[in-house]
Amino acid sequence: MKALDRFLQNERIKKAKKFIRTNDAVLDIGSVDGVMFEKWKKDISYSYGIDPILEKEIKTETCTLLPGKFPEDLPENLSFDIITMLAVLEHIPKEVQAGMAENFYNILKTKGRVIITVPSPQVDFILEILLKLRLIDGMSLEEHYGFKPSDTEKIFAKGFKLIKKKKFQLGLNNLYVFEKID
């Protein structure tokens, strides 16, 4: 990961952290190397990450990182206070998204939260330029299909209430925080 990739990742992690409560159990979808858990380890309880690009399971004192996809490769009978998807939703095919929200609802504890960042559509053009200039590695850009950030609210309309919506990084990134309605 190049310095600019890491900078952008760290900004997303900082925005999400504001909505983490002490000792929350977190599931991070698209966890890659688990850097978020390392940054939050003093604030959260034992957590899980899942990512299809991981080649093998990684266990640390604070988390387990699993290779695979959500929900099929996540162990059964786990529940979480928080589910994060930072720069991931735009990679998930539309036909999978409605079921994903239902699965989130089922594994979230009471007052559980979903924290999502999703780039604005114009970011794809900017990323293509940065990639050509070799300033970023641009993880899985081929999976982007023009996801509209406004669709995020539609995906989580059932069973969740929106508690925060905010643009950041010069309006090129969007933060959404939903809370489970019991």
Protein backbone atom coordinates (compact mmCIF):
# COMPACT_ATOMS: atom_id res chain seq x y z
CA MET A 1 0.00 0.00 0.00
CA LYS A 2 1.43 3.38 -0.99
CA ALA A 3 1.57 6.42 1.29
CA LEU A 4 -1.47 8.09 -0.30
CA ASP A 5 -3.53 4.88 0.01
CA ARG A 6 -2.56 4.66 3.69
CA PHE A 7 -3.41 8.35 4.26
CA LEU A 8 -6.89 7.93 2.75
CA GLN A 9 -7.43 4.74 4.76
CA ASN A 10 -6.40 6.48 8.00
CA GLU A 11 -8.84 9.32 7.35
CA ARG A 12 -11.72 6.86 6.98
CA ILE A 13 -10.66 5.05 10.16
CA LYS A 14 -10.56 8.35 12.11
CA LYS A 15 -14.06 9.32 10.94
CA ALA A 16 -15.48 5.92 11.94
CA LYS A 17 -13.80 5.86 15.36
CA LYS A 18 -15.97 8.72 16.59
CA PHE A 19 -18.92 6.30 16.63
CA ILE A 20 -17.21 3.46 18.48
CA ARG A 21 -18.16 2.96 22.11
CA THR A 22 -15.81 1.57 24.75
CA ASN A 23 -15.49 -2.22 24.56
CA ASP A 24 -17.59 -2.55 21.38
CA ALA A 25 -17.15 -5.82 19.52
CA VAL A 26 -16.50 -4.91 15.89
CA LEU A 27 -16.89 -6.77 12.62
CA ASP A 28 -14.97 -5.08 9.81
CA ILE A 29 -15.94 -6.15 6.32
CA GLY A 30 -13.06 -5.53 3.95
CA SER A 31 -10.53 -5.56 6.77
CA VAL A 32 -7.47 -6.20 4.58
CA ASP A 33 -4.55 -6.22 7.05
CA GLY A 34 -6.54 -5.29 10.18
CA VAL A 35 -4.86 -1.90 10.63
CA MET A 36 -8.12 -0.45 11.99
CA PHE A 37 -8.13 -2.97 14.85
CA GLU A 38 -4.56 -2.08 15.69
CA LYS A 39 -5.46 1.62 15.89
CA TRP A 40 -8.56 0.93 18.01
CA LYS A 41 -7.21 -1.89 20.21
CA LYS A 42 -7.40 0.14 23.45
CA ASP A 43 -11.04 1.01 22.83
CA ILE A 44 -12.71 -2.14 21.50
CA SER A 45 -13.18 -5.70 22.67
CA TYR A 46 -12.18 -8.77 20.69
CA SER A 47 -13.23 -8.34 17.08
CA TYR A 48 -13.33 -9.95 13.64
CA GLY A 49 -12.41 -8.84 10.16
CA ILE A 50 -13.26 -10.57 6.90
CA ASP A 51 -11.79 -9.94 3.46
CA PRO A 52 -11.71 -11.98 0.24
CA ILE A 53 -8.14 -10.93 -0.54
CA LEU A 54 -6.72 -12.49 2.63
CA GLU A 55 -4.97 -15.77 1.91
CA LYS A 56 -5.11 -17.25 5.40
CA GLU A 57 -6.62 -16.68 8.84
CA ILE A 58 -4.69 -14.31 11.11
CA LYS A 59 -5.22 -14.21 14.89
CA THR A 60 -3.92 -11.54 17.22
CA GLU A 61 -4.67 -10.75 20.85
CA THR A 62 -7.43 -8.35 19.78
CA CYS A 63 -8.87 -9.77 16.56
CA THR A 64 -9.29 -12.60 14.09
CA LEU A 65 -8.94 -11.80 10.38
CA LEU A 66 -10.70 -14.29 8.13
CA PRO A 67 -10.28 -14.90 4.42
CA GLY A 68 -13.61 -14.94 2.61
CA LYS A 69 -16.88 -13.15 2.11
CA PHE A 70 -19.64 -12.01 4.41
CA PRO A 71 -21.83 -13.72 5.58
CA GLU A 72 -20.98 -17.17 4.28
CA ASP A 73 -17.43 -17.32 5.65
CA LEU A 74 -18.13 -15.80 9.07
CA PRO A 75 -18.46 -18.30 11.95
CA GLU A 76 -22.01 -18.79 13.21
CA ASN A 77 -23.32 -17.52 16.56
CA LEU A 78 -21.24 -14.34 16.62
CA SER A 79 -22.80 -10.99 17.45
CA PHE A 80 -21.36 -7.50 17.28
CA ASP A 81 -21.94 -3.98 18.54
CA ILE A 82 -20.50 -2.44 15.37
CA ILE A 83 -20.14 -3.46 11.73
CA THR A 84 -17.82 -1.32 9.64
CA MET A 85 -17.44 -1.15 5.88
CA LEU A 86 -14.92 1.53 5.02
CA ALA A 87 -14.66 2.03 1.24
CA VAL A 88 -16.27 -1.37 0.62
CA LEU A 89 -19.95 -0.90 -0.29
CA GLU A 90 -19.08 0.37 -3.79
CA HIS A 91 -17.45 -3.04 -4.46
CA ILE A 92 -20.50 -5.10 -3.48
CA PRO A 93 -22.90 -6.00 -6.32
CA LYS A 94 -26.36 -4.45 -6.04
CA GLU A 95 -28.09 -7.82 -5.99
CA VAL A 96 -26.21 -8.73 -2.78
CA GLN A 97 -26.82 -5.49 -0.88
CA ALA A 98 -30.40 -5.99 0.35
CA GLY A 99 -29.57 -9.38 1.84
CA MET A 100 -26.43 -7.90 3.34
CA ALA A 101 -28.44 -5.34 5.33
CA GLU A 102 -30.70 -8.12 6.64
CA ASN A 103 -27.66 -10.16 7.70
CA PHE A 104 -26.22 -7.11 9.47
CA TYR A 105 -29.47 -6.69 11.38
CA ASN A 106 -29.40 -10.34 12.48
CA ILE A 107 -25.87 -10.27 13.93
CA LEU A 108 -25.97 -6.81 15.52
CA LYS A 109 -26.69 -6.52 19.22
CA THR A 110 -29.32 -4.10 20.57
CA LYS A 111 -28.43 -0.52 19.54
CA GLY A 112 -25.80 -1.98 17.19
CA ARG A 113 -24.35 0.34 14.59
CA VAL A 114 -23.30 0.09 10.97
CA ILE A 115 -20.55 2.54 9.99
CA ILE A 116 -19.96 2.97 6.28
CA THR A 117 -17.79 5.19 4.15
CA VAL A 118 -18.41 5.33 0.43
CA PRO A 119 -16.73 7.56 -2.15
CA SER A 120 -18.60 9.93 -4.42
CA PRO A 121 -18.83 8.65 -8.04
CA GLN A 122 -16.35 11.25 -9.36
CA VAL A 123 -13.65 9.63 -7.20
CA ASP A 124 -13.28 6.81 -9.76
CA PHE A 125 -11.94 9.30 -12.32
CA ILE A 126 -9.52 10.78 -9.78
CA LEU A 127 -8.35 7.32 -8.72
CA GLU A 128 -7.69 6.33 -12.33
CA ILE A 129 -5.37 9.34 -12.71
CA LEU A 130 -3.62 8.68 -9.40
CA LEU A 131 -3.17 5.04 -10.41
CA LYS A 132 -1.62 6.01 -13.77
CA LEU A 133 0.72 8.38 -11.94
CA ARG A 134 1.57 5.47 -9.58
CA LEU A 135 0.62 7.53 -6.53
CA ILE A 136 -1.80 4.83 -5.29
CA ASP A 137 -2.17 1.09 -5.57
CA GLY A 138 -5.95 1.48 -5.89
CA MET A 139 -7.24 -1.74 -4.38
CA SER A 140 -9.86 -3.58 -6.46
CA LEU A 141 -10.83 -0.55 -8.56
CA GLU A 142 -12.08 -2.89 -11.28
CA GLU A 143 -14.99 -3.76 -8.94
CA HIS A 144 -16.33 -0.19 -8.88
CA TYR A 145 -19.51 0.14 -10.89
CA GLY A 146 -20.65 3.71 -10.21
CA PHE A 147 -22.37 3.15 -6.86
CA LYS A 148 -24.33 6.23 -5.77
CA PRO A 149 -23.77 7.18 -2.11
CA SER A 150 -27.46 8.15 -1.84
CA ASP A 151 -28.35 4.47 -2.36
CA THR A 152 -26.76 3.68 1.01
CA GLU A 153 -29.81 5.03 2.86
CA LYS A 154 -32.15 2.90 0.73
CA ILE A 155 -30.18 -0.27 1.49
CA PHE A 156 -30.50 0.31 5.25
CA ALA A 157 -34.04 1.75 5.26
CA LYS A 158 -35.52 -1.39 6.86
CA GLY A 159 -34.54 -2.10 10.47
CA PHE A 160 -32.13 0.83 10.85
CA LYS A 161 -32.26 4.54 11.52
CA LEU A 162 -29.72 6.95 10.11
CA ILE A 163 -27.93 8.72 12.97
CA LYS A 164 -25.16 10.47 11.01
CA LYS A 165 -24.55 11.44 7.40
CA LYS A 166 -21.56 13.57 6.50
CA LYS A 167 -19.31 14.38 3.56
CA PHE A 168 -15.56 14.60 4.14
CA GLN A 169 -12.30 14.79 2.17
CA LEU A 170 -13.47 17.82 0.18
CA GLY A 171 -16.88 16.20 -0.37
CA LEU A 172 -15.35 13.23 -2.19
CA ASN A 173 -16.14 10.75 0.58
CA ASN A 174 -19.32 10.06 2.53
CA LEU A 175 -19.85 8.75 6.05
CA TYR A 176 -23.07 7.00 7.06
CA VAL A 177 -23.85 5.71 10.54
CA PHE A 178 -26.97 3.63 11.10
CA GLU A 179 -28.34 2.23 14.34
CA LYS A 180 -30.37 -0.96 14.63
CA ILE A 181 -34.01 -0.44 15.49
CA ASP A 182 -35.20 -3.17 17.89
